[in-house]
């Protein structure tokens, strides 16, 4: 895991987050927010969930339904979400469209119920493709961040 914002006693400001994650990740985060606002009644909350190893991040929700977290990393972001095993051709096709890195992330997910937790780290525009696929799998909506 890369360096994260782990000081639970200091809630970071927007400026601190932007400086920490870097310009490319700021642009990626902006694209994610804009695209999801077109589809969902989006709520974004700054949280420190899951204990000290995850750190600060944004919780993305549709109304009150949790979608995923994006954790802040030094010059990067990590999308964390729970995804069920694929049951439809659409889901299997989406998994097949993942990059090699995205597929490795899928294959090494943390098992939970009928699927698992995916932790996908990305820091460039290419990573938005896989992030969109993971969000599509989670929400059953067609999400394209490119």
C-alpha atoms as a PDB file:
ATOM      1  CA  UNK A   1       0.000   0.000   0.000  1.00  0.00           C
ATOM      2  CA  UNK A   2       1.182   3.498  -0.765  1.00  0.00           C
ATOM      3  CA  UNK A   3       1.320   6.447   1.593  1.00  0.00           C
ATOM      4  CA  UNK A   4      -2.126   7.575   2.746  1.00  0.00           C
ATOM      5  CA  UNK A   5      -3.567  10.336   4.911  1.00  0.00           C
ATOM      6  CA  UNK A   6      -3.620   8.417   8.207  1.00  0.00           C
ATOM      7  CA  UNK A   7      -3.964  11.138  10.854  1.00  0.00           C
ATOM      8  CA  UNK A   8      -7.506  10.550  12.100  1.00  0.00           C
ATOM      9  CA  UNK A   9      -7.276  13.607  14.362  1.00  0.00           C
ATOM     10  CA  UNK A  10      -6.669  15.998  11.461  1.00  0.00           C
ATOM     11  CA  UNK A  11      -9.439  16.227   8.882  1.00  0.00           C
ATOM     12  CA  UNK A  12      -7.693  17.337   5.681  1.00  0.00           C
ATOM     13  CA  UNK A  13      -8.833  20.406   3.786  1.00  0.00           C
ATOM     14  CA  UNK A  14      -9.605  20.291   0.056  1.00  0.00           C
ATOM     15  CA  UNK A  15      -6.279  22.025  -0.582  1.00  0.00           C
ATOM     16  CA  UNK A  16      -4.353  19.441   1.462  1.00  0.00           C
ATOM     17  CA  UNK A  17      -6.106  16.603  -0.372  1.00  0.00           C
ATOM     18  CA  UNK A  18      -5.335  18.130  -3.780  1.00  0.00           C
ATOM     19  CA  UNK A  19      -1.684  18.664  -2.908  1.00  0.00           C
ATOM     20  CA  UNK A  20      -1.362  15.131  -1.534  1.00  0.00           C
ATOM     21  CA  UNK A  21      -3.006  13.238  -4.424  1.00  0.00           C
ATOM     22  CA  UNK A  22      -1.399  15.352  -7.178  1.00  0.00           C
ATOM     23  CA  UNK A  23      -2.690  17.044 -10.310  1.00  0.00           C
ATOM     24  CA  UNK A  24      -3.481  13.909 -12.352  1.00  0.00           C
ATOM     25  CA  UNK A  25      -5.488  12.382  -9.515  1.00  0.00           C
ATOM     26  CA  UNK A  26      -7.309  15.686  -8.963  1.00  0.00           C
ATOM     27  CA  UNK A  27      -8.395  15.616 -12.604  1.00  0.00           C
ATOM     28  CA  UNK A  28      -9.454  11.962 -12.309  1.00  0.00           C
ATOM     29  CA  UNK A  29     -11.458  12.701  -9.182  1.00  0.00           C
ATOM     30  CA  UNK A  30     -13.171  15.610 -10.914  1.00  0.00           C
ATOM     31  CA  UNK A  31     -14.118  13.404 -13.890  1.00  0.00           C
ATOM     32  CA  UNK A  32     -15.559  10.766 -11.546  1.00  0.00           C
ATOM     33  CA  UNK A  33     -17.624  13.348  -9.656  1.00  0.00           C
ATOM     34  CA  UNK A  34     -18.959  14.981 -12.844  1.00  0.00           C
ATOM     35  CA  UNK A  35     -19.897  11.718 -14.573  1.00  0.00           C
ATOM     36  CA  UNK A  36     -21.591  10.243 -11.519  1.00  0.00           C
ATOM     37  CA  UNK A  37     -23.531  13.466 -10.871  1.00  0.00           C
ATOM     38  CA  UNK A  38     -25.119  12.963 -14.313  1.00  0.00           C
ATOM     39  CA  UNK A  39     -26.412   9.509 -13.336  1.00  0.00           C
ATOM     40  CA  UNK A  40     -27.010   9.498  -9.582  1.00  0.00           C
ATOM     41  CA  UNK A  41     -28.367  11.669  -6.806  1.00  0.00           C
ATOM     42  CA  UNK A  42     -24.778  11.760  -5.577  1.00  0.00           C
ATOM     43  CA  UNK A  43     -23.613  12.324  -2.017  1.00  0.00           C
ATOM     44  CA  UNK A  44     -19.891  12.620  -1.315  1.00  0.00           C
ATOM     45  CA  UNK A  45     -18.726  12.582   2.300  1.00  0.00           C
ATOM     46  CA  UNK A  46     -15.208  12.897   3.676  1.00  0.00           C
ATOM     47  CA  UNK A  47     -14.689   9.865   5.952  1.00  0.00           C
ATOM     48  CA  UNK A  48     -12.072   7.997   7.957  1.00  0.00           C
ATOM     49  CA  UNK A  49     -13.576   4.469   7.802  1.00  0.00           C
ATOM     50  CA  UNK A  50     -12.207   0.982   8.485  1.00  0.00           C
ATOM     51  CA  UNK A  51      -9.482   1.957  10.955  1.00  0.00           C
ATOM     52  CA  UNK A  52      -6.005   3.341  10.719  1.00  0.00           C
ATOM     53  CA  UNK A  53      -4.671   1.539   7.647  1.00  0.00           C
ATOM     54  CA  UNK A  54      -7.154   3.022   5.145  1.00  0.00           C
ATOM     55  CA  UNK A  55      -7.036   6.684   6.115  1.00  0.00           C
ATOM     56  CA  UNK A  56      -9.111   9.539   4.771  1.00  0.00           C
ATOM     57  CA  UNK A  57     -11.242   9.217   1.676  1.00  0.00           C
ATOM     58  CA  UNK A  58     -14.523  10.087   0.048  1.00  0.00           C
ATOM     59  CA  UNK A  59     -17.583   7.911   0.481  1.00  0.00           C
ATOM     60  CA  UNK A  60     -19.718   8.022  -2.670  1.00  0.00           C
ATOM     61  CA  UNK A  61     -23.424   7.244  -2.250  1.00  0.00           C
ATOM     62  CA  UNK A  62     -26.587   7.405  -4.335  1.00  0.00           C
ATOM     63  CA  UNK A  63     -29.059   8.964  -1.924  1.00  0.00           C
ATOM     64  CA  UNK A  64     -28.371   6.723   1.078  1.00  0.00           C
ATOM     65  CA  UNK A  65     -27.058   3.674  -0.856  1.00  0.00           C
ATOM     66  CA  UNK A  66     -23.303   3.230  -0.501  1.00  0.00           C
ATOM     67  CA  UNK A  67     -21.503   2.906  -3.864  1.00  0.00           C
ATOM     68  CA  UNK A  68     -17.765   2.981  -3.121  1.00  0.00           C
ATOM     69  CA  UNK A  69     -14.904   4.756  -1.381  1.00  0.00           C
ATOM     70  CA  UNK A  70     -12.012   6.600  -2.936  1.00  0.00           C
ATOM     71  CA  UNK A  71      -9.027   6.768  -0.603  1.00  0.00           C
ATOM     72  CA  UNK A  72      -6.363   9.431  -0.983  1.00  0.00           C
ATOM     73  CA  UNK A  73      -2.810   8.299  -1.668  1.00  0.00           C
ATOM     74  CA  UNK A  74       0.360  10.225  -2.328  1.00  0.00           C
ATOM     75  CA  UNK A  75       0.023  10.931  -6.089  1.00  0.00           C
ATOM     76  CA  UNK A  76      -2.825   8.475  -6.486  1.00  0.00           C
ATOM     77  CA  UNK A  77      -6.274   7.238  -5.566  1.00  0.00           C
ATOM     78  CA  UNK A  78      -7.642   3.858  -4.530  1.00  0.00           C
ATOM     79  CA  UNK A  79     -11.207   2.891  -5.369  1.00  0.00           C
ATOM     80  CA  UNK A  80     -12.594   0.410  -2.831  1.00  0.00           C
ATOM     81  CA  UNK A  81     -15.915  -1.309  -3.371  1.00  0.00           C
ATOM     82  CA  UNK A  82     -17.689  -4.593  -2.833  1.00  0.00           C
ATOM     83  CA  UNK A  83     -18.647  -6.437  -6.027  1.00  0.00           C
ATOM     84  CA  UNK A  84     -20.562  -9.686  -6.443  1.00  0.00           C
ATOM     85  CA  UNK A  85     -19.356 -12.518  -8.644  1.00  0.00           C
ATOM     86  CA  UNK A  86     -20.544 -12.004 -12.233  1.00  0.00           C
ATOM     87  CA  UNK A  87     -23.904 -13.603 -12.987  1.00  0.00           C
ATOM     88  CA  UNK A  88     -24.715 -12.088 -16.366  1.00  0.00           C
ATOM     89  CA  UNK A  89     -23.002 -11.915 -19.731  1.00  0.00           C
ATOM     90  CA  UNK A  90     -22.814  -8.139 -19.270  1.00  0.00           C
ATOM     91  CA  UNK A  91     -20.838  -8.553 -16.033  1.00  0.00           C
ATOM     92  CA  UNK A  92     -18.533 -11.185 -17.533  1.00  0.00           C
ATOM     93  CA  UNK A  93     -17.924  -8.935 -20.552  1.00  0.00           C
ATOM     94  CA  UNK A  94     -17.079  -6.020 -18.270  1.00  0.00           C
ATOM     95  CA  UNK A  95     -14.542  -8.112 -16.365  1.00  0.00           C
ATOM     96  CA  UNK A  96     -13.107  -9.220 -19.713  1.00  0.00           C
ATOM     97  CA  UNK A  97     -12.680  -5.556 -20.681  1.00  0.00           C
ATOM     98  CA  UNK A  98     -10.454  -4.807 -17.672  1.00  0.00           C
ATOM     99  CA  UNK A  99      -6.797  -4.041 -18.307  1.00  0.00           C
ATOM    100  CA  UNK A 100      -4.244  -6.592 -17.159  1.00  0.00           C
ATOM    101  CA  UNK A 101      -3.754  -4.573 -13.958  1.00  0.00           C
ATOM    102  CA  UNK A 102      -7.508  -4.340 -13.399  1.00  0.00           C
ATOM    103  CA  UNK A 103      -7.933  -8.075 -13.953  1.00  0.00           C
ATOM    104  CA  UNK A 104      -5.194  -8.813 -11.389  1.00  0.00           C
ATOM    105  CA  UNK A 105      -7.014  -6.560  -8.955  1.00  0.00           C
ATOM    106  CA  UNK A 106     -10.267  -8.449  -9.605  1.00  0.00           C
ATOM    107  CA  UNK A 107      -8.600 -11.839  -9.209  1.00  0.00           C
ATOM    108  CA  UNK A 108      -6.969 -10.854  -5.899  1.00  0.00           C
ATOM    109  CA  UNK A 109     -10.042  -9.202  -4.355  1.00  0.00           C
ATOM    110  CA  UNK A 110     -10.652  -9.757  -0.659  1.00  0.00           C
ATOM    111  CA  UNK A 111     -13.336 -12.486  -0.513  1.00  0.00           C
ATOM    112  CA  UNK A 112     -16.641 -11.583   1.106  1.00  0.00           C
ATOM    113  CA  UNK A 113     -20.040 -13.269   0.688  1.00  0.00           C
ATOM    114  CA  UNK A 114     -20.688 -13.928  -3.021  1.00  0.00           C
ATOM    115  CA  UNK A 115     -17.887 -11.734  -4.344  1.00  0.00           C
ATOM    116  CA  UNK A 116     -15.386  -9.547  -2.607  1.00  0.00           C
ATOM    117  CA  UNK A 117     -13.811  -6.199  -1.911  1.00  0.00           C
ATOM    118  CA  UNK A 118     -11.833  -4.692  -4.776  1.00  0.00           C
ATOM    119  CA  UNK A 119      -9.058  -2.210  -3.975  1.00  0.00           C
ATOM    120  CA  UNK A 120      -8.021  -0.607  -7.261  1.00  0.00           C
ATOM    121  CA  UNK A 121      -5.172   1.931  -7.163  1.00  0.00           C
ATOM    122  CA  UNK A 122      -4.791   4.307 -10.088  1.00  0.00           C
ATOM    123  CA  UNK A 123      -2.931   7.522 -10.736  1.00  0.00           C
ATOM    124  CA  UNK A 124      -3.402   8.273 -14.424  1.00  0.00           C
ATOM    125  CA  UNK A 125      -6.108   8.662 -17.033  1.00  0.00           C
ATOM    126  CA  UNK A 126      -5.770   5.020 -18.116  1.00  0.00           C
ATOM    127  CA  UNK A 127      -6.866   3.950 -14.652  1.00  0.00           C
ATOM    128  CA  UNK A 128     -10.211   5.684 -15.138  1.00  0.00           C
ATOM    129  CA  UNK A 129     -11.210   2.953 -17.603  1.00  0.00           C
ATOM    130  CA  UNK A 130     -10.938   0.194 -15.004  1.00  0.00           C
ATOM    131  CA  UNK A 131     -12.424   2.404 -12.271  1.00  0.00           C
ATOM    132  CA  UNK A 132     -15.457   2.887 -14.520  1.00  0.00           C
ATOM    133  CA  UNK A 133     -15.784  -0.862 -15.017  1.00  0.00           C
ATOM    134  CA  UNK A 134     -15.619  -1.541 -11.279  1.00  0.00           C
ATOM    135  CA  UNK A 135     -18.254   1.139 -10.614  1.00  0.00           C
ATOM    136  CA  UNK A 136     -20.392  -0.322 -13.441  1.00  0.00           C
ATOM    137  CA  UNK A 137     -20.184  -3.763 -11.856  1.00  0.00           C
ATOM    138  CA  UNK A 138     -21.154  -2.318  -8.477  1.00  0.00           C
ATOM    139  CA  UNK A 139     -24.043  -0.153  -9.668  1.00  0.00           C
ATOM    140  CA  UNK A 140     -25.336  -2.164 -12.668  1.00  0.00           C
ATOM    141  CA  UNK A 141     -25.212   1.109 -14.640  1.00  0.00           C
ATOM    142  CA  UNK A 142     -23.013   1.762 -17.666  1.00  0.00           C
ATOM    143  CA  UNK A 143     -20.276   4.067 -16.386  1.00  0.00           C
ATOM    144  CA  UNK A 144     -17.594   5.432 -18.685  1.00  0.00           C
ATOM    145  CA  UNK A 145     -15.098   7.832 -17.131  1.00  0.00           C
ATOM    146  CA  UNK A 146     -13.125   8.292 -20.374  1.00  0.00           C
END
